[in-house]
Amino acid sequence: MEINSHLSAQVAQLQQTLQMGILDKSLNMGAAGAVEMLEDMSAQQPAAHPYKGQIIDIQA
């Protein structure tokens, strides 16, 4: 019976290690995606203001 509980504890530890590895990889991929998105945003030209520099007629 002691062997069974020992193996069960090892399986539980292996599952936890695997889950932490998957979580770590997922977080790294998410961080890399965020960095790439921010780099792409800084490379873009700023958007033109919708009305600044234009003549707007406000007479009713």
N, C-alpha and C. Protein backbone atom coordinates (compact mmCIF):
# COMPACT_ATOMS: atom_id res chain seq x y z
N MET A 1 0.82 -1.20 0.00
CA MET A 1 0.00 0.00 0.00
C MET A 1 0.87 1.26 0.00
N GLU A 2 2.03 1.18 0.63
CA GLU A 2 2.91 2.35 0.68
C GLU A 2 3.47 2.69 -0.71
N ILE A 3 3.72 1.66 -1.50
CA ILE A 3 4.22 1.89 -2.87
C ILE A 3 3.17 2.64 -3.68
N ASN A 4 1.92 2.25 -3.51
CA ASN A 4 0.83 2.88 -4.23
C ASN A 4 0.73 4.37 -3.88
N SER A 5 0.82 4.70 -2.62
CA SER A 5 0.73 6.10 -2.22
C SER A 5 1.96 6.87 -2.69
N HIS A 6 3.12 6.23 -2.70
CA HIS A 6 4.34 6.88 -3.18
C HIS A 6 4.22 7.18 -4.68
N LEU A 7 3.73 6.21 -5.45
CA LEU A 7 3.55 6.42 -6.89
C LEU A 7 2.49 7.49 -7.16
N SER A 8 1.45 7.48 -6.35
CA SER A 8 0.41 8.49 -6.50
C SER A 8 0.96 9.89 -6.24
N ALA A 9 1.81 10.02 -5.25
CA ALA A 9 2.42 11.32 -4.95
C ALA A 9 3.34 11.75 -6.09
N GLN A 10 4.07 10.81 -6.68
CA GLN A 10 4.94 11.14 -7.80
C GLN A 10 4.14 11.58 -9.02
N VAL A 11 3.03 10.91 -9.28
CA VAL A 11 2.17 11.29 -10.41
C VAL A 11 1.60 12.69 -10.18
N ALA A 12 1.18 12.99 -8.97
CA ALA A 12 0.64 14.31 -8.66
C ALA A 12 1.71 15.38 -8.85
N GLN A 13 2.95 15.08 -8.44
CA GLN A 13 4.04 16.03 -8.60
C GLN A 13 4.36 16.23 -10.08
N LEU A 14 4.32 15.16 -10.85
CA LEU A 14 4.58 15.25 -12.28
C LEU A 14 3.50 16.09 -12.97
N GLN A 15 2.24 15.89 -12.57
CA GLN A 15 1.15 16.69 -13.13
C GLN A 15 1.35 18.17 -12.83
N GLN A 16 1.73 18.49 -11.62
CA GLN A 16 1.94 19.88 -11.23
C GLN A 16 3.10 20.49 -12.02
N THR A 17 4.18 19.72 -12.18
CA THR A 17 5.33 20.21 -12.95
C THR A 17 4.94 20.47 -14.39
N LEU A 18 4.18 19.56 -14.96
CA LEU A 18 3.73 19.71 -16.34
C LEU A 18 2.82 20.92 -16.49
N GLN A 19 1.89 21.09 -15.55
CA GLN A 19 0.99 22.24 -15.61
C GLN A 19 1.76 23.55 -15.49
N MET A 20 2.76 23.59 -14.62
CA MET A 20 3.55 24.80 -14.45
C MET A 20 4.36 25.08 -15.72
N GLY A 21 4.86 24.04 -16.36
CA GLY A 21 5.60 24.21 -17.61
C GLY A 21 4.71 24.77 -18.71
N ILE A 22 3.50 24.25 -18.81
CA ILE A 22 2.55 24.73 -19.82
C ILE A 22 2.17 26.17 -19.52
N LEU A 23 1.91 26.49 -18.26
CA LEU A 23 1.55 27.85 -17.87
C LEU A 23 2.69 28.81 -18.18
N ASP A 24 3.91 28.41 -17.87
CA ASP A 24 5.08 29.26 -18.13
C ASP A 24 5.22 29.53 -19.62
N LYS A 25 5.07 28.49 -20.43
CA LYS A 25 5.17 28.67 -21.89
C LYS A 25 4.07 29.57 -22.40
N SER A 26 2.87 29.40 -21.88
CA SER A 26 1.75 30.23 -22.30
C SER A 26 1.97 31.70 -21.94
N LEU A 27 2.48 31.95 -20.74
CA LEU A 27 2.75 33.33 -20.34
C LEU A 27 3.85 33.94 -21.19
N ASN A 28 4.88 33.17 -21.50
CA ASN A 28 5.95 33.68 -22.36
C ASN A 28 5.45 34.02 -23.75
N MET A 29 4.58 33.18 -24.29
CA MET A 29 4.02 33.45 -25.62
C MET A 29 3.15 34.69 -25.59
N GLY A 30 2.37 34.85 -24.50
CA GLY A 30 1.53 36.04 -24.38
C GLY A 30 2.36 37.30 -24.25
N ALA A 31 3.43 37.24 -23.49
CA ALA A 31 4.31 38.40 -23.33
C ALA A 31 4.99 38.74 -24.66
N ALA A 32 5.43 37.72 -25.37
CA ALA A 32 6.08 37.96 -26.67
C ALA A 32 5.09 38.59 -27.65
N GLY A 33 3.86 38.13 -27.62
CA GLY A 33 2.83 38.72 -28.50
C GLY A 33 2.55 40.17 -28.14
N ALA A 34 2.51 40.48 -26.86
CA ALA A 34 2.28 41.85 -26.43
C ALA A 34 3.43 42.76 -26.85
N VAL A 35 4.65 42.28 -26.70
CA VAL A 35 5.83 43.07 -27.10
C VAL A 35 5.80 43.33 -28.60
N GLU A 36 5.47 42.30 -29.36
CA GLU A 36 5.40 42.45 -30.82
C GLU A 36 4.32 43.45 -31.21
N MET A 37 3.17 43.39 -30.54
CA MET A 37 2.09 44.32 -30.84
C MET A 37 2.51 45.75 -30.52
N LEU A 38 3.18 45.96 -29.38
CA LEU A 38 3.63 47.30 -29.02
C LEU A 38 4.68 47.82 -30.00
N GLU A 39 5.56 46.96 -30.45
CA GLU A 39 6.56 47.38 -31.44
C GLU A 39 5.89 47.76 -32.75
N ASP A 40 4.88 47.02 -33.16
CA ASP A 40 4.16 47.35 -34.39
C ASP A 40 3.42 48.68 -34.25
N MET A 41 2.89 48.95 -33.06
CA MET A 41 2.17 50.20 -32.84
C MET A 41 3.12 51.39 -32.92
N SER A 42 4.32 51.26 -32.40
CA SER A 42 5.25 52.38 -32.43
C SER A 42 5.78 52.63 -33.84
N ALA A 43 5.75 51.63 -34.70
CA ALA A 43 6.24 51.79 -36.07
C ALA A 43 5.20 52.45 -36.97
N GLN A 44 3.95 52.49 -36.58
CA GLN A 44 2.90 53.08 -37.40
C GLN A 44 2.92 54.59 -37.30
N GLN A 45 2.43 55.23 -38.36
CA GLN A 45 2.30 56.67 -38.34
C GLN A 45 1.12 57.04 -37.44
N PRO A 46 1.24 58.14 -36.71
CA PRO A 46 0.11 58.54 -35.86
C PRO A 46 -1.12 58.87 -36.71
N ALA A 47 -2.26 58.55 -36.19
CA ALA A 47 -3.51 58.79 -36.91
C ALA A 47 -3.79 60.29 -36.96
N ALA A 48 -4.34 60.73 -38.07
CA ALA A 48 -4.69 62.15 -38.22
C ALA A 48 -5.86 62.48 -37.31
N HIS A 49 -5.84 63.67 -36.77
CA HIS A 49 -6.93 64.13 -35.92
C HIS A 49 -8.17 64.28 -36.78
N PRO A 50 -9.35 63.89 -36.30
CA PRO A 50 -10.53 63.87 -37.17
C PRO A 50 -10.96 65.25 -37.68
N TYR A 51 -10.66 66.32 -36.96
CA TYR A 51 -11.08 67.64 -37.45
C TYR A 51 -10.04 68.74 -37.24
N LYS A 52 -8.98 68.49 -36.55
CA LYS A 52 -7.97 69.50 -36.30
C LYS A 52 -7.31 69.91 -37.62
N GLY A 53 -7.24 71.22 -37.85
CA GLY A 53 -6.65 71.72 -39.07
C GLY A 53 -7.65 71.85 -40.21
N GLN A 54 -8.90 71.51 -39.97
CA GLN A 54 -9.93 71.64 -40.99
C GLN A 54 -10.89 72.74 -40.59
N ILE A 55 -11.56 73.30 -41.57
CA ILE A 55 -12.56 74.33 -41.29
C ILE A 55 -13.88 73.64 -41.00
N ILE A 56 -14.48 74.02 -39.89
CA ILE A 56 -15.76 73.42 -39.51
C ILE A 56 -16.80 74.54 -39.43
N ASP A 57 -17.91 74.36 -40.12
CA ASP A 57 -18.99 75.35 -40.14
C ASP A 57 -19.94 74.98 -39.00
N ILE A 58 -20.03 75.84 -37.98
CA ILE A 58 -20.89 75.53 -36.84
C ILE A 58 -22.14 76.40 -36.80
N GLN A 59 -22.43 77.09 -37.92
CA GLN A 59 -23.64 77.92 -37.96
C GLN A 59 -24.87 77.03 -38.07
N ALA A 60 -25.92 77.44 -37.38
CA ALA A 60 -27.13 76.65 -37.43
C ALA A 60 -28.15 77.25 -38.36
